[in-house]
Amino acid sequence: MRGKRDTRKRILDSAIAVFGAKSFHKATVRDIARGAGLGIGTIYSYFPSKEAVLLVLIADGFAELSEILRRSIEGIDSPLEKLRKFTWTFLGFFEENRSFGCIVYLVMPIKEWSEAESFHAMREPQRILVRIVREGQERGFFRQDIDLNVLVYTYFGGLGRIIAHREIDLDQPSLLAYFPDFYEITLRGIAD
């Protein structure tokens, strides 16, 4: 079983490197196989297509991000501090995983992705944010009249735009340089 997990990891590690370097559309299964040091047949025995590899990469990446986000706010009492830590951790994750950010925010067509199972993995960070805001509302930190759907679209849309723009314009600063202003703008919009 460990051998299968190791092989799967090698395939996914190679794929994220290849997709990040060549772009998903120019990459081939042969490129992934070469990067993983495997034959093409081995790739196909794990994944039926390059698209399937991409969807698993996204699902796994968001599962990892969700766990990191949960741990980052564990033990924090203040909803304000939870929101601050959540935002910092989210940006930090994409700072450390630039190829993943490129795949998520520049490569994956939203229509195809929204129909895939991996789309549900992306929703977990949204659920964590909603729990933070609801707690803040219950405790009087955040406004009661916030439409949580609009908040989720605005918050993650803004973060996604920052991440995508940085990938397009490589002269942009670290994602974490955007943190103070993004957090302040978010907080001003929801604070009671």
Protein backbone atom coordinates (compact mmCIF):
# COMPACT_ATOMS: atom_id res chain seq x y z
CA MET A 1 0.00 0.00 0.00
CA ARG A 2 2.83 2.40 0.82
CA GLY A 3 4.29 1.86 -2.66
CA LYS A 4 1.01 2.89 -4.26
CA ARG A 5 0.79 6.01 -2.07
CA ASP A 6 4.38 6.91 -2.91
CA THR A 7 3.75 6.44 -6.63
CA ARG A 8 0.57 8.52 -6.47
CA LYS A 9 2.46 11.27 -4.63
CA ARG A 10 5.26 11.20 -7.21
CA ILE A 11 2.69 11.59 -9.99
CA LEU A 12 0.94 14.48 -8.25
CA ASP A 13 4.21 16.22 -7.33
CA SER A 14 5.37 15.92 -10.92
CA ALA A 15 2.04 17.14 -12.26
CA ILE A 16 1.98 20.27 -10.12
CA ALA A 17 5.55 21.08 -11.17
CA VAL A 18 4.77 20.45 -14.85
CA PHE A 19 1.48 22.36 -14.78
CA GLY A 20 3.19 25.24 -13.01
CA ALA A 21 6.11 25.36 -15.45
CA LYS A 22 4.40 24.57 -18.75
CA SER A 23 0.76 25.37 -17.98
CA PHE A 24 -1.91 22.73 -17.83
CA HIS A 25 -2.93 23.09 -21.46
CA LYS A 26 0.60 22.61 -22.83
CA ALA A 27 1.53 19.81 -20.43
CA THR A 28 1.16 16.19 -21.47
CA VAL A 29 0.84 12.94 -19.59
CA ARG A 30 4.28 12.11 -21.01
CA ASP A 31 5.69 15.23 -19.27
CA ILE A 32 4.13 14.14 -15.98
CA ALA A 33 5.50 10.61 -16.38
CA ARG A 34 8.98 11.92 -17.21
CA GLY A 35 8.98 14.20 -14.16
CA ALA A 36 7.85 11.37 -11.90
CA GLY A 37 10.37 8.94 -13.39
CA LEU A 38 7.54 6.59 -14.42
CA GLY A 39 6.13 5.15 -17.60
CA ILE A 40 3.02 6.61 -19.19
CA GLY A 41 1.14 3.37 -18.52
CA THR A 42 1.77 3.77 -14.80
CA ILE A 43 0.23 7.25 -14.88
CA TYR A 44 -2.85 5.87 -16.62
CA SER A 45 -3.15 3.06 -14.09
CA TYR A 46 -3.64 5.74 -11.41
CA PHE A 47 -5.49 8.44 -13.38
CA PRO A 48 -7.60 8.10 -16.53
CA SER A 49 -6.55 11.50 -17.90
CA LYS A 50 -4.53 14.65 -17.35
CA GLU A 51 -7.78 16.34 -16.30
CA ALA A 52 -8.32 13.72 -13.58
CA VAL A 53 -4.83 14.45 -12.23
CA LEU A 54 -5.69 18.14 -12.12
CA LEU A 55 -8.94 17.55 -10.22
CA VAL A 56 -7.20 15.35 -7.65
CA LEU A 57 -4.47 17.99 -7.22
CA ILE A 58 -7.10 20.60 -6.49
CA ALA A 59 -9.06 18.39 -4.09
CA ASP A 60 -5.91 17.35 -2.23
CA GLY A 61 -4.61 20.93 -2.11
CA PHE A 62 -7.84 22.29 -0.66
CA ALA A 63 -8.04 19.42 1.83
CA GLU A 64 -4.53 20.32 3.01
CA LEU A 65 -5.37 24.04 3.10
CA SER A 66 -8.54 23.37 5.09
CA GLU A 67 -6.65 21.37 7.70
CA ILE A 68 -4.00 24.09 7.99
CA LEU A 69 -6.70 26.75 8.35
CA ARG A 70 -8.51 24.76 11.07
CA ARG A 71 -5.28 24.26 13.02
CA SER A 72 -4.31 27.92 12.65
CA ILE A 73 -7.43 29.17 14.44
CA GLU A 74 -7.60 26.38 17.02
CA GLY A 75 -7.56 27.75 20.54
CA ILE A 76 -8.11 31.36 19.47
CA ASP A 77 -11.04 32.91 21.33
CA SER A 78 -11.59 36.22 19.55
CA PRO A 79 -13.47 36.08 16.21
CA LEU A 80 -11.44 39.14 15.14
CA GLU A 81 -8.19 37.28 15.79
CA LYS A 82 -9.57 34.14 14.10
CA LEU A 83 -10.40 36.17 10.99
CA ARG A 84 -6.95 37.77 11.03
CA LYS A 85 -5.19 34.42 11.42
CA PHE A 86 -7.43 32.77 8.81
CA THR A 87 -6.62 35.47 6.25
CA TRP A 88 -2.88 35.40 6.99
CA THR A 89 -2.79 31.60 6.78
CA PHE A 90 -4.76 31.52 3.52
CA LEU A 91 -2.41 33.98 1.83
CA GLY A 92 0.62 32.22 3.33
CA PHE A 93 -0.49 28.88 1.94
CA PHE A 94 -0.70 30.28 -1.59
CA GLU A 95 2.60 32.12 -1.12
CA GLU A 96 4.27 28.79 -0.33
CA ASN A 97 2.35 26.87 -3.01
CA ARG A 98 2.57 29.14 -6.03
CA SER A 99 2.00 26.41 -8.61
CA PHE A 100 -1.17 25.39 -6.80
CA GLY A 101 -2.38 29.00 -6.80
CA CYS A 102 -1.68 29.26 -10.51
CA ILE A 103 -3.64 26.07 -11.19
CA VAL A 104 -6.61 27.08 -9.05
CA TYR A 105 -6.92 30.73 -10.04
CA LEU A 106 -5.62 30.81 -13.61
CA VAL A 107 -5.91 27.35 -15.16
CA MET A 108 -9.04 25.60 -13.96
CA PRO A 109 -12.19 26.57 -15.85
CA ILE A 110 -14.81 27.26 -13.18
CA LYS A 111 -17.65 25.61 -15.14
CA GLU A 112 -15.86 22.27 -15.45
CA TRP A 113 -14.54 22.47 -11.92
CA SER A 114 -17.93 23.26 -10.38
CA GLU A 115 -19.28 20.03 -11.83
CA ALA A 116 -16.42 17.97 -10.38
CA GLU A 117 -16.23 16.36 -6.96
CA SER A 118 -13.07 18.35 -6.17
CA PHE A 119 -15.14 21.55 -6.19
CA HIS A 120 -16.63 20.50 -2.86
CA ALA A 121 -13.16 20.40 -1.28
CA MET A 122 -12.77 24.08 -2.18
CA ARG A 123 -15.88 24.89 -0.18
CA GLU A 124 -14.42 23.86 3.19
CA PRO A 125 -12.37 27.08 3.63
CA GLN A 126 -15.61 28.93 2.86
CA ARG A 127 -17.43 27.01 5.59
CA ILE A 128 -14.66 27.82 8.07
CA LEU A 129 -14.93 31.52 7.24
CA VAL A 130 -18.72 31.42 7.67
CA ARG A 131 -18.33 29.77 11.10
CA ILE A 132 -15.91 32.53 12.17
CA VAL A 133 -18.30 35.26 11.03
CA ARG A 134 -21.35 33.62 12.62
CA GLU A 135 -19.47 33.34 15.90
CA GLY A 136 -18.52 37.00 15.57
CA GLN A 137 -22.15 37.91 14.96
CA GLU A 138 -23.33 35.93 17.97
CA ARG A 139 -20.74 37.64 20.17
CA GLY A 140 -21.42 41.15 18.84
CA PHE A 141 -18.17 41.64 16.91
CA PHE A 142 -19.70 41.54 13.43
CA ARG A 143 -22.82 43.06 11.91
CA GLN A 144 -25.97 40.95 11.93
CA ASP A 145 -27.13 42.08 8.48
CA ILE A 146 -24.27 40.51 6.51
CA ASP A 147 -25.34 38.33 3.60
CA LEU A 148 -22.93 35.44 4.12
CA ASN A 149 -23.04 34.40 0.46
CA VAL A 150 -21.99 37.89 -0.63
CA LEU A 151 -19.26 37.88 2.02
CA VAL A 152 -17.91 34.54 0.79
CA TYR A 153 -17.96 35.65 -2.87
CA THR A 154 -16.33 38.99 -2.06
CA TYR A 155 -13.73 37.65 0.36
CA PHE A 156 -12.54 34.68 -1.71
CA GLY A 157 -12.99 36.58 -4.97
CA GLY A 158 -10.70 39.29 -3.64
CA LEU A 159 -8.11 36.83 -2.42
CA GLY A 160 -8.30 34.90 -5.68
CA ARG A 161 -7.77 38.08 -7.66
CA ILE A 162 -4.71 38.99 -5.58
CA ILE A 163 -3.26 35.50 -6.10
CA ALA A 164 -4.01 35.47 -9.84
CA HIS A 165 -2.61 38.96 -10.38
CA ARG A 166 0.61 38.02 -8.63
CA GLU A 167 0.97 35.00 -10.93
CA ILE A 168 0.44 37.14 -14.02
CA ASP A 169 2.74 39.96 -12.89
CA LEU A 170 5.71 38.27 -11.25
CA ASP A 171 7.07 41.61 -10.06
CA GLN A 172 4.27 41.79 -7.52
CA PRO A 173 5.30 41.59 -3.86
CA SER A 174 4.70 38.64 -1.60
CA LEU A 175 1.04 37.80 -1.09
CA LEU A 176 1.53 38.53 2.59
CA ALA A 177 2.29 42.17 1.71
CA TYR A 178 -1.39 42.48 0.77
CA PHE A 179 -2.54 41.14 4.14
CA PRO A 180 -2.84 44.37 6.20
CA ASP A 181 -4.98 46.21 3.65
CA PHE A 182 -7.09 43.19 2.73
CA TYR A 183 -7.79 42.39 6.37
CA GLU A 184 -8.60 46.02 7.19
CA ILE A 185 -10.99 46.36 4.25
CA THR A 186 -12.71 43.10 5.18
CA LEU A 187 -12.98 44.04 8.84
CA ARG A 188 -14.41 47.49 8.07
CA GLY A 189 -17.09 45.86 5.95
CA ILE A 190 -18.27 43.43 8.60
CA ALA A 191 -17.39 44.96 11.98
CA ASP A 192 -20.26 46.04 14.18
